[in-house]
Amino acid sequence: MLKTTTRAGAADPVAGAAVATISPFAPKELVRLPIIKGVRFATAAAGIRYAGRTDLLLALFDPGTTVAGVLTRSKTASAPVEWCRARLAHGLARALVVNSGNANAFTGKRGREAVKLTAAAAAEAAECLEADVYLASTGVIGEPLDVAKFTPLLGDLARQAEPDGFEQAARAIMTTDTYPKLATRAAEIGGVPVTINGIAKGAGMIAPDMATMLAFIFTDAAIEPAALRACLEPTVDETFNAITIDGDTSTSDTLLVFATGSAVSRGAPRIAFPDDPQLGSFRLALAMLMRDLAQQIVKDGEGATKFVTVRVTGAASDAAARRIAKSIANSPLVKTAIAGEDPNWGRVVMAVGKAGEAADRDKLAIWLGDILVAKDGEVAASYREAQGAAYMKSPEIAIRADVGVGDGTATVWTCDLTAGYIAINADYRS
């Protein structure tokens, strides 16, 4: 079922692979993001891991740009994650440097030196303080990052940076992604239109706990750091933390939001307080954009052919429902059944039972889409296997389980598990 034709502009996800495997969900045309005043981009092919592949991004921000972020909770977080963690409280940003091909994770003292050298070079190029520089790296874990390959390029990139560079920025941060992820939304603050743009990458090692997941969001709204954090952090749980491709949390998960404040020139107010009611439209648009990017990551899961929504209801709490949903979404047996278009709902029963949360076996109900397949702890009298088999041929699958003990609910998005995933990861460092 895997597509094996290439599409113009798609990256070869595996070094040496003769043909790139393109996600069946890849858009025929990429959305074009509007320019946001106060941010400029430049990219380069620095040869960090592969020759001739765009792998370096520099974003520059006008003075006064604020930043908020959410980072991986991995106990083996990368050096760039630790750099950002130490500077987010500062709340101001002038530059962002992202490299792909090397995660600069589990690289010890050399990794810490690499981020210091990168920040110093970026600060010089952007004519700013090192404290205003943010860093992210994605790629292979455990290999030292040779900053000499790209720090000499940052000065020229700063001079070449242009506002209309979102697509190239999204391409520069890709690793095993088969297409760049972009999204845009409009909102209003104080009756003045503002724009929110976002780019993201991620295809494997995705079970964010905030993943080789990187996401960068840009807006012209004028929002102070504390208010920006208050908009971002609650939304993460229902978007980026509600996706899983393989159940593995990356060392490098980084989500940063940059607010240039340029909308002030059009009359937009500057928002200082998290509870300002003028943030309502912005919060909603930000949540929609983050959900869009999160789902794009799942739809480009390594080797994926199915996009799967797992909904759990009737749990003891929302947190319990989330754990049950993740148990279903991360089960290799469930995911391979989906890949094989087999309506093997018994595997869903298994995944509910192993989650460790309260569930009433004799009240358990399961649906495939709108088809009730199990009720009151046994197969539904109305269910026919042919119904389930026909439904499983759909590119988008919905699984719902009601566990019959309470009012807790949760939704998680995942994909199937195919031979393509194994091929990509078996050959990742080849």
Protein backbone atom coordinates (compact mmCIF):
# COMPACT_ATOMS: atom_id res chain seq x y z
CA MET A 1 0.00 0.00 0.00
CA LEU A 2 3.01 2.32 0.35
CA LYS A 3 3.42 4.88 -2.36
CA THR A 4 6.85 4.77 -3.91
CA THR A 5 6.74 7.61 -6.39
CA THR A 6 8.62 10.82 -5.77
CA ARG A 7 7.09 14.27 -5.71
CA ALA A 8 8.92 17.43 -6.68
CA GLY A 9 10.65 18.94 -3.68
CA ALA A 10 10.22 15.93 -1.42
CA ALA A 11 13.17 14.89 0.69
CA ASP A 12 14.68 11.43 0.49
CA PRO A 13 14.03 10.20 4.04
CA VAL A 14 16.74 7.55 4.07
CA ALA A 15 20.27 8.02 2.85
CA GLY A 16 20.91 5.73 -0.07
CA ALA A 17 17.24 4.99 -0.67
CA ALA A 18 16.61 4.71 -4.40
CA VAL A 19 13.10 6.10 -4.20
CA ALA A 20 11.49 8.35 -1.59
CA THR A 21 8.30 7.08 0.01
CA ILE A 22 5.78 9.91 -0.03
CA SER A 23 3.00 10.07 2.51
CA PRO A 24 -0.40 9.46 0.91
CA PHE A 25 -1.57 12.51 2.89
CA ALA A 26 1.01 14.87 1.39
CA PRO A 27 -0.79 17.94 0.04
CA LYS A 28 -0.87 18.41 -3.72
CA GLU A 29 -0.09 22.07 -3.13
CA LEU A 30 1.54 23.59 -0.07
CA VAL A 31 -0.29 26.39 1.69
CA ARG A 32 1.42 29.72 1.13
CA LEU A 33 1.95 31.59 4.38
CA PRO A 34 1.55 35.38 4.44
CA ILE A 35 4.50 37.55 5.40
CA ILE A 36 4.72 38.52 9.06
CA LYS A 37 6.45 41.83 9.59
CA GLY A 38 9.35 41.54 11.99
CA VAL A 39 10.66 38.09 11.02
CA ARG A 40 13.01 37.12 8.18
CA PHE A 41 14.42 33.75 7.08
CA ALA A 42 17.43 32.31 5.30
CA THR A 43 18.44 28.70 4.70
CA ALA A 44 21.49 26.86 3.44
CA ALA A 45 22.82 23.41 2.57
CA ALA A 46 25.65 23.10 5.07
CA GLY A 47 26.39 19.40 4.58
CA ILE A 48 25.71 18.60 8.24
CA ARG A 49 24.82 15.00 7.38
CA TYR A 50 23.95 14.82 3.69
CA ALA A 51 25.55 16.71 0.83
CA GLY A 52 23.35 19.01 -1.19
CA ARG A 53 20.42 18.98 1.23
CA THR A 54 19.04 22.14 2.86
CA ASP A 55 19.75 21.59 6.55
CA LEU A 56 20.26 24.98 8.17
CA LEU A 57 17.72 27.66 9.09
CA LEU A 58 18.35 31.14 10.45
CA ALA A 59 15.37 33.26 11.49
CA LEU A 60 15.88 36.86 12.56
CA PHE A 61 13.46 38.91 14.65
CA ASP A 62 13.04 42.64 15.09
CA PRO A 63 13.89 44.11 18.51
CA GLY A 64 11.08 43.67 21.02
CA THR A 65 10.03 40.21 19.78
CA THR A 66 8.80 38.06 22.66
CA VAL A 67 9.03 34.28 22.93
CA ALA A 68 7.40 31.43 24.85
CA GLY A 69 8.05 27.73 24.55
CA VAL A 70 7.42 24.19 25.69
CA LEU A 71 10.26 21.65 25.67
CA THR A 72 10.69 17.90 26.00
CA ARG A 73 10.54 16.34 29.46
CA SER A 74 12.99 13.67 28.36
CA LYS A 75 15.64 12.97 30.99
CA THR A 76 18.18 12.80 28.15
CA ALA A 77 17.29 16.15 26.59
CA SER A 78 19.58 17.57 23.93
CA ALA A 79 22.05 20.41 24.45
CA PRO A 80 19.91 22.86 22.39
CA VAL A 81 16.86 22.03 24.52
CA GLU A 82 18.82 22.81 27.69
CA TRP A 83 20.05 26.06 26.10
CA CYS A 84 16.48 27.15 25.34
CA ARG A 85 15.21 26.05 28.75
CA ALA A 86 17.74 28.34 30.44
CA ARG A 87 16.70 31.35 28.35
CA LEU A 88 12.93 31.17 27.97
CA ALA A 89 12.37 33.00 31.25
CA HIS A 90 14.13 35.96 29.64
CA GLY A 91 11.24 36.11 27.16
CA LEU A 92 12.92 38.04 24.33
CA ALA A 93 14.23 36.75 21.00
CA ARG A 94 16.29 38.10 18.12
CA ALA A 95 17.45 34.92 16.36
CA LEU A 96 16.61 31.25 15.90
CA VAL A 97 19.08 28.71 14.49
CA VAL A 98 17.89 25.22 13.56
CA ASN A 99 19.92 22.42 12.01
CA SER A 100 18.76 19.05 10.76
CA GLY A 101 20.81 15.89 10.35
CA ASN A 102 22.29 15.89 13.86
CA ALA A 103 20.34 16.19 17.13
CA ASN A 104 23.32 17.29 19.25
CA ALA A 105 21.91 15.02 21.94
CA PHE A 106 23.91 12.80 24.30
CA THR A 107 27.05 14.60 23.15
CA GLY A 108 28.33 15.71 26.57
CA LYS A 109 30.74 18.59 26.91
CA ARG A 110 31.22 18.81 23.15
CA GLY A 111 27.48 19.28 22.72
CA ARG A 112 27.41 22.12 25.22
CA GLU A 113 30.37 23.74 23.50
CA ALA A 114 28.59 23.39 20.16
CA VAL A 115 25.56 25.34 21.35
CA LYS A 116 27.77 28.06 22.86
CA LEU A 117 29.69 28.45 19.60
CA THR A 118 26.47 28.46 17.57
CA ALA A 119 24.85 31.06 19.82
CA ALA A 120 27.93 33.27 19.69
CA ALA A 121 28.05 33.12 15.89
CA ALA A 122 24.32 33.78 15.61
CA ALA A 123 24.50 36.71 18.04
CA GLU A 124 27.28 38.25 15.97
CA ALA A 125 25.33 37.72 12.75
CA ALA A 126 22.12 39.15 14.22
CA GLU A 127 23.90 41.89 16.19
CA CYS A 128 22.19 40.85 19.41
CA LEU A 129 22.88 39.30 22.80
CA GLU A 130 23.51 35.57 23.04
CA ALA A 131 20.62 35.46 25.53
CA ASP A 132 18.30 36.42 22.66
CA VAL A 133 19.35 33.44 20.50
CA TYR A 134 17.33 30.19 20.47
CA LEU A 135 18.60 26.90 19.10
CA ALA A 136 17.16 23.57 17.95
CA SER A 137 18.71 20.49 16.39
CA THR A 138 17.17 17.34 14.96
CA GLY A 139 18.62 14.16 13.54
CA VAL A 140 20.92 11.41 14.74
CA ILE A 141 21.49 11.12 18.50
CA GLY A 142 24.95 10.59 20.00
CA GLU A 143 27.13 12.02 17.25
CA PRO A 144 29.06 15.27 17.88
CA LEU A 145 27.77 18.26 15.93
CA ASP A 146 30.48 19.88 13.81
CA VAL A 147 29.51 23.54 14.04
CA ALA A 148 32.42 24.49 11.79
CA LYS A 149 30.24 23.30 8.90
CA PHE A 150 27.61 25.98 9.44
CA THR A 151 28.59 28.77 11.85
CA PRO A 152 30.69 30.52 9.15
CA LEU A 153 27.53 30.69 7.02
CA LEU A 154 25.41 32.60 9.52
CA GLY A 155 26.76 36.06 8.68
CA ASP A 156 25.88 35.73 5.00
CA LEU A 157 22.52 34.20 5.87
CA ALA A 158 21.71 37.19 8.08
CA ARG A 159 22.41 39.54 5.19
CA GLN A 160 20.32 37.42 2.80
CA ALA A 161 17.33 36.87 5.09
CA GLU A 162 13.92 37.67 3.57
CA PRO A 163 10.39 37.81 5.02
CA ASP A 164 8.93 35.44 2.43
CA GLY A 165 10.76 32.31 3.50
CA PHE A 166 8.36 30.08 5.41
CA GLU A 167 8.37 27.18 2.95
CA GLN A 168 12.14 27.01 2.72
CA ALA A 169 12.34 27.28 6.50
CA ALA A 170 9.99 24.31 6.84
CA ARG A 171 12.08 22.30 4.37
CA ALA A 172 15.33 23.06 6.16
CA ILE A 173 14.18 21.44 9.42
CA MET A 174 12.99 18.16 7.84
CA THR A 175 14.63 14.80 8.52
CA THR A 176 12.55 11.76 7.56
CA ASP A 177 9.58 14.00 6.76
CA THR A 178 8.27 13.56 3.22
CA TYR A 179 6.78 17.05 2.97
CA PRO A 180 7.11 20.37 4.81
CA LYS A 181 4.42 21.18 7.35
CA LEU A 182 2.95 24.69 7.21
CA ALA A 183 -0.18 26.31 8.63
CA THR A 184 -1.65 29.79 9.02
CA ARG A 185 -4.57 31.31 10.89
CA ALA A 186 -6.03 34.79 11.32
CA ALA A 187 -7.26 36.33 14.57
CA GLU A 188 -8.20 39.70 16.02
CA ILE A 189 -6.86 41.55 19.04
CA GLY A 190 -8.64 44.74 19.96
CA GLY A 191 -10.46 44.65 16.65
CA VAL A 192 -7.18 44.60 14.67
CA PRO A 193 -6.37 41.59 12.44
CA VAL A 194 -3.27 39.60 13.38
CA THR A 195 -1.64 36.63 11.66
CA ILE A 196 -0.29 33.39 13.12
CA ASN A 197 1.97 31.21 10.97
CA GLY A 198 3.56 27.91 11.92
CA ILE A 199 6.01 25.33 10.61
CA ALA A 200 6.78 21.91 12.06
CA LYS A 201 8.71 18.72 11.46
CA GLY A 202 8.41 15.22 12.77
CA ALA A 203 7.77 11.77 11.34
CA GLY A 204 9.30 9.31 13.79
CA MET A 205 10.28 9.18 17.47
CA ILE A 206 6.99 10.96 18.09
CA ALA A 207 5.18 10.75 21.41
CA PRO A 208 5.68 14.30 22.69
CA ASP A 209 5.78 14.82 26.40
CA MET A 210 6.09 18.45 26.81
CA ALA A 211 9.84 14.49 19.44
CA THR A 212 12.29 14.68 16.87
CA MET A 213 9.32 17.02 16.85
CA LEU A 214 10.11 20.68 16.25
CA ALA A 215 7.47 23.38 15.84
CA PHE A 216 7.96 27.11 15.41
CA ILE A 217 5.09 29.59 15.42
CA PHE A 218 5.26 33.24 14.44
CA THR A 219 2.78 36.07 14.93
CA ASP A 220 2.68 39.83 14.50
CA ALA A 221 0.60 40.18 17.67
CA ALA A 222 2.08 42.20 20.54
CA ILE A 223 1.94 39.86 23.53
CA GLU A 224 4.22 40.00 26.54
CA PRO A 225 6.02 36.76 27.52
CA ALA A 226 3.81 35.81 30.47
CA ALA A 227 0.64 36.25 28.44
CA LEU A 228 2.17 34.38 25.50
CA ARG A 229 3.04 31.45 27.79
CA ALA A 230 -0.50 31.43 29.13
CA CYS A 231 -1.84 31.11 25.58
CA LEU A 232 0.60 28.36 24.60
CA GLU A 233 0.99 25.96 27.51
CA PRO A 234 -2.64 24.86 28.06
CA THR A 235 -3.06 24.24 24.33
CA VAL A 236 -0.11 21.87 24.06
CA ASP A 237 -1.85 19.08 25.95
CA GLU A 238 -4.73 18.86 23.47
CA THR A 239 -2.58 19.21 20.35
CA PHE A 240 1.08 18.21 20.25
CA ASN A 241 0.79 16.06 23.39
CA ALA A 242 -2.20 14.26 21.88
CA ILE A 243 -0.27 12.69 19.00
CA THR A 244 1.83 9.55 18.80
CA ILE A 245 3.50 7.78 15.91
CA ASP A 246 5.61 5.19 17.67
CA GLY A 247 5.36 5.90 21.39
CA ASP A 248 8.94 7.20 21.63
CA THR A 249 9.55 10.65 23.11
CA SER A 250 12.44 12.49 21.50
CA THR A 251 15.38 14.12 23.22
CA SER A 252 14.76 17.21 21.11
CA ASP A 253 11.05 18.19 21.28
CA THR A 254 10.91 21.97 20.96
CA LEU A 255 7.91 24.23 20.49
CA LEU A 256 8.58 27.98 20.34
CA VAL A 257 6.19 30.87 19.67
CA PHE A 258 7.59 34.24 18.60
CA ALA A 259 5.51 37.44 18.73
CA THR A 260 7.09 40.32 16.80
CA GLY A 261 4.55 42.94 17.94
CA SER A 262 4.48 44.60 14.53
CA ALA A 263 0.66 44.71 14.58
CA VAL A 264 0.99 47.63 17.04
CA SER A 265 1.75 49.83 14.05
CA ARG A 266 -1.77 49.02 12.78
CA GLY A 267 -3.39 49.87 16.09
CA ALA A 268 -3.31 46.51 17.87
CA PRO A 269 -2.97 46.76 21.65
CA ARG A 270 -0.01 45.30 23.50
CA ILE A 271 -1.26 42.50 25.74
CA ALA A 272 0.50 42.25 29.08
CA PHE A 273 -1.79 40.10 31.23
CA PRO A 274 -2.65 36.42 30.69
CA ASP A 275 -6.32 36.96 31.57
CA ASP A 276 -6.86 39.83 29.11
CA PRO A 277 -10.22 39.09 27.41
CA GLN A 278 -8.85 40.52 24.16
CA LEU A 279 -6.83 37.29 23.77
CA GLY A 280 -9.91 35.16 23.10
CA SER A 281 -9.70 35.15 19.31
CA PHE A 282 -5.92 34.70 19.39
CA ARG A 283 -6.13 31.72 21.75
CA LEU A 284 -8.67 29.98 19.54
CA ALA A 285 -6.68 30.59 16.34
CA LEU A 286 -3.46 29.43 18.01
CA ALA A 287 -5.15 26.22 19.16
CA MET A 288 -6.49 25.57 15.66
CA LEU A 289 -3.06 26.13 14.11
CA MET A 290 -1.33 23.86 16.63
CA ARG A 291 -3.89 21.12 16.04
CA ASP A 292 -3.38 21.47 12.28
CA LEU A 293 0.41 21.10 12.59
CA ALA A 294 0.12 18.22 15.07
CA GLN A 295 -2.15 16.28 12.74
CA GLN A 296 0.14 16.99 9.77
CA ILE A 297 2.98 15.37 11.73
CA VAL A 298 0.89 12.22 12.26
CA LYS A 299 -0.17 12.15 8.61
CA ASP A 300 3.52 12.12 7.67
CA GLY A 301 4.39 9.38 10.16
CA GLU A 302 7.18 7.16 8.92
CA GLY A 303 5.66 4.62 6.53
CA ALA A 304 2.11 5.70 7.41
CA THR A 305 -0.83 4.86 5.15
CA LYS A 306 -3.66 5.52 7.64
CA PHE A 307 -4.54 8.49 9.85
CA VAL A 308 -6.22 7.27 13.03
CA THR A 309 -8.32 9.11 15.60
CA VAL A 310 -8.67 7.29 18.92
CA ARG A 311 -11.46 8.55 21.18
CA VAL A 312 -12.00 7.21 24.70
CA THR A 313 -15.11 8.04 26.74
CA GLY A 314 -16.58 6.82 30.01
CA ALA A 315 -13.24 6.81 31.84
CA ALA A 316 -12.69 7.63 35.51
CA SER A 317 -11.07 10.96 34.57
CA ASP A 318 -9.76 12.79 31.52
CA ALA A 319 -6.23 11.76 32.49
CA ALA A 320 -7.29 8.12 32.67
CA ALA A 321 -9.00 8.43 29.29
CA ARG A 322 -5.75 9.85 27.85
CA ARG A 323 -3.75 6.90 29.16
CA ILE A 324 -6.22 4.40 27.72
CA ALA A 325 -6.27 6.22 24.38
CA LYS A 326 -2.47 6.22 24.28
CA SER A 327 -2.47 2.50 25.11
CA ILE A 328 -4.65 1.87 22.06
CA ALA A 329 -2.79 4.30 19.81
CA ASN A 330 0.65 2.93 20.73
CA SER A 331 -0.21 -0.77 20.52
CA PRO A 332 1.82 -2.42 17.73
CA LEU A 333 -0.92 -5.03 17.40
CA VAL A 334 -3.63 -2.41 16.93
CA LYS A 335 -1.47 -0.39 14.53
CA THR A 336 -0.49 -3.38 12.38
CA ALA A 337 -4.11 -4.51 12.18
CA ILE A 338 -4.98 -1.05 10.87
CA ALA A 339 -2.14 -1.28 8.34
CA GLY A 340 -3.52 -4.63 7.19
CA GLU A 341 -7.07 -3.25 7.06
CA ASP A 342 -8.13 -5.93 9.51
CA PRO A 343 -11.07 -4.95 11.81
CA ASN A 344 -9.50 -6.87 14.67
CA TRP A 345 -11.32 -5.05 17.46
CA GLY A 346 -10.20 -7.65 19.97
CA ARG A 347 -6.84 -5.88 19.96
CA VAL A 348 -8.58 -2.72 21.12
CA VAL A 349 -10.05 -4.72 24.01
CA MET A 350 -6.53 -5.88 24.85
CA ALA A 351 -5.14 -2.33 24.76
CA VAL A 352 -7.91 -1.03 27.03
CA GLY A 353 -7.23 -3.80 29.52
CA LYS A 354 -3.47 -3.28 29.68
CA ALA A 355 -3.67 0.50 30.23
CA GLY A 356 -3.85 0.09 33.99
CA GLU A 357 -6.89 2.35 34.32
CA ALA A 358 -10.38 1.51 35.56
CA ALA A 359 -12.59 -0.10 32.91
CA ASP A 360 -15.74 -2.18 33.23
CA ARG A 361 -15.27 -5.20 30.98
CA ASP A 362 -19.01 -5.92 30.96
CA LYS A 363 -19.92 -2.37 29.91
CA LEU A 364 -17.14 -1.88 27.36
CA ALA A 365 -18.34 -0.67 23.95
CA ILE A 366 -16.22 -0.20 20.81
CA TRP A 367 -16.95 1.58 17.54
CA LEU A 368 -15.12 1.64 14.21
CA GLY A 369 -16.31 4.96 12.83
CA ASP A 370 -20.08 4.86 13.30
CA ILE A 371 -20.18 1.05 13.37
CA LEU A 372 -20.90 -0.43 16.80
CA VAL A 373 -18.78 -3.57 16.94
CA ALA A 374 -18.88 -4.43 20.65
CA LYS A 375 -21.39 -3.66 23.40
CA ASP A 376 -21.79 -4.67 27.04
CA GLY A 377 -18.61 -6.71 26.97
CA GLU A 378 -19.28 -8.77 23.83
CA VAL A 379 -19.68 -8.47 20.08
CA ALA A 380 -22.69 -6.34 19.15
CA ALA A 381 -25.62 -8.34 17.76
CA SER A 382 -25.91 -5.93 14.83
CA TYR A 383 -22.23 -6.12 13.82
CA ARG A 384 -21.09 -7.93 10.68
CA GLU A 385 -17.43 -8.53 9.91
CA ALA A 386 -17.92 -7.34 6.33
CA GLN A 387 -18.92 -3.91 7.66
CA GLY A 388 -15.71 -3.58 9.63
CA ALA A 389 -13.55 -4.87 6.78
CA ALA A 390 -15.04 -2.34 4.36
CA TYR A 391 -14.55 0.51 6.83
CA MET A 392 -10.89 -0.34 7.43
CA LYS A 393 -10.10 0.38 3.79
CA SER A 394 -10.65 4.09 4.46
CA PRO A 395 -7.52 6.26 4.62
CA GLU A 396 -8.80 7.86 7.84
CA ILE A 397 -9.95 5.58 10.65
CA ALA A 398 -11.78 6.45 13.87
CA ILE A 399 -11.76 4.10 16.87
CA ARG A 400 -13.92 4.86 19.91
CA ALA A 401 -14.03 2.96 23.18
CA ASP A 402 -16.39 3.66 26.06
CA VAL A 403 -15.03 1.99 29.18
CA GLY A 404 -18.16 2.48 31.29
CA VAL A 405 -16.86 3.85 34.60
CA GLY A 406 -17.15 7.66 34.52
CA ASP A 407 -17.21 10.86 32.50
CA GLY A 408 -13.56 11.15 31.45
CA THR A 409 -12.82 11.68 27.75
CA ALA A 410 -9.73 12.07 25.58
CA THR A 411 -8.74 12.09 21.92
CA VAL A 412 -5.39 10.97 20.52
CA TRP A 413 -4.21 10.92 16.91
CA THR A 414 -1.91 8.25 15.51
CA CYS A 415 -1.11 6.32 12.34
CA ASP A 416 -0.66 2.71 11.33
CA LEU A 417 2.55 0.69 11.63
CA THR A 418 3.85 -0.63 8.32
CA ALA A 419 6.92 -2.27 6.82
CA GLY A 420 7.84 1.23 5.65
CA TYR A 421 8.41 2.35 9.24
CA ILE A 422 10.72 -0.60 9.84
CA ALA A 423 12.66 0.03 6.61
CA ILE A 424 13.20 3.71 7.37
CA ASN A 425 14.40 3.11 10.92
CA ALA A 426 16.44 0.00 10.17
CA ASP A 427 18.42 2.01 7.62
CA TYR A 428 18.38 5.41 9.40
CA ARG A 429 22.16 5.64 9.95
CA SER A 430 23.21 3.60 6.91
